[in-house]
């Protein structure tokens, strides 16, 4: 769900910024928008992986019994 929401919001924000700054929509701008959406989706995947790792680590320790207690991930150096 996070990935599905992150990509459209970044694309709409980029198009609004292009409009506000008065830039023309050229081929280079379209290529940049496609690259932005790819980087945005990749960043969202890494955020999901980090959240999954943090909740699993907290559940393993017994400190993550409800979502309220999982907000601060607890990592230790190994």
Protein backbone atom coordinates (compact mmCIF):
# COMPACT_ATOMS: atom_id res chain seq x y z
CA UNK A 1 0.00 0.00 0.00
CA UNK A 2 2.87 2.34 0.82
CA UNK A 3 4.46 1.81 -2.59
CA UNK A 4 1.18 2.33 -4.39
CA UNK A 5 0.70 5.67 -2.64
CA UNK A 6 4.28 6.97 -2.79
CA UNK A 7 4.70 6.86 -6.55
CA UNK A 8 1.60 8.88 -7.55
CA UNK A 9 2.23 11.50 -4.86
CA UNK A 10 5.80 12.07 -6.05
CA UNK A 11 4.69 12.25 -9.70
CA UNK A 12 1.93 14.77 -8.93
CA UNK A 13 4.32 16.83 -6.83
CA UNK A 14 6.90 16.86 -9.62
CA UNK A 15 4.31 17.92 -12.20
CA UNK A 16 3.05 20.68 -9.91
CA UNK A 17 6.60 21.93 -9.40
CA UNK A 18 7.23 21.92 -13.15
CA UNK A 19 4.05 23.94 -13.65
CA UNK A 20 4.86 26.42 -10.88
CA UNK A 21 8.40 26.98 -12.17
CA UNK A 22 7.17 27.35 -15.75
CA UNK A 23 9.23 24.55 -17.30
CA UNK A 24 8.19 22.94 -20.56
CA UNK A 25 7.40 19.22 -20.77
CA UNK A 26 10.22 17.87 -22.92
CA UNK A 27 11.57 14.39 -23.50
CA UNK A 28 14.24 14.94 -20.87
CA UNK A 29 11.61 15.93 -18.32
CA UNK A 30 9.61 12.77 -19.05
CA UNK A 31 12.73 10.64 -18.68
CA UNK A 32 13.44 12.37 -15.36
CA UNK A 33 9.88 11.72 -14.16
CA UNK A 34 10.18 8.04 -15.03
CA UNK A 35 13.50 7.88 -13.16
CA UNK A 36 11.91 9.66 -10.18
CA UNK A 37 9.11 7.12 -10.04
CA UNK A 38 11.60 4.25 -10.17
CA UNK A 39 13.74 5.67 -7.37
CA UNK A 40 10.61 6.42 -5.35
CA UNK A 41 9.35 2.84 -5.67
CA UNK A 42 12.77 1.47 -4.74
CA UNK A 43 12.95 3.72 -1.66
CA UNK A 44 9.49 2.58 -0.59
CA UNK A 45 10.56 -1.07 -0.89
CA UNK A 46 13.59 -0.42 1.32
CA UNK A 47 11.38 1.34 3.88
CA UNK A 48 9.08 -1.69 3.95
CA UNK A 49 12.04 -4.04 4.39
CA UNK A 50 13.37 -1.90 7.26
CA UNK A 51 9.98 -1.81 8.98
CA UNK A 52 9.59 -5.57 8.59
CA UNK A 53 13.05 -6.16 10.03
CA UNK A 54 12.38 -3.79 12.94
CA UNK A 55 9.08 -5.42 13.86
CA UNK A 56 10.54 -8.93 13.59
CA UNK A 57 13.48 -7.92 15.76
CA UNK A 58 11.15 -6.39 18.33
CA UNK A 59 8.82 -9.40 18.29
CA UNK A 60 11.78 -11.73 18.79
CA UNK A 61 12.86 -9.78 21.86
CA UNK A 62 9.34 -9.59 23.21
CA UNK A 63 9.29 -5.78 23.15
CA UNK A 64 6.91 -5.56 20.20
CA UNK A 65 3.60 -6.88 21.45
CA UNK A 66 1.36 -4.22 19.83
CA UNK A 67 1.78 -1.70 17.02
CA UNK A 68 2.15 1.14 19.55
CA UNK A 69 5.24 -0.48 21.01
CA UNK A 70 6.80 -1.15 17.59
CA UNK A 71 7.09 2.49 16.55
CA UNK A 72 10.69 2.83 17.71
CA UNK A 73 12.79 0.05 16.20
CA UNK A 74 15.29 -1.40 18.63
CA UNK A 75 18.49 -2.48 16.91
CA UNK A 76 21.69 -3.54 18.57
CA UNK A 77 25.15 -3.65 17.08
CA UNK A 78 26.40 -7.14 16.47
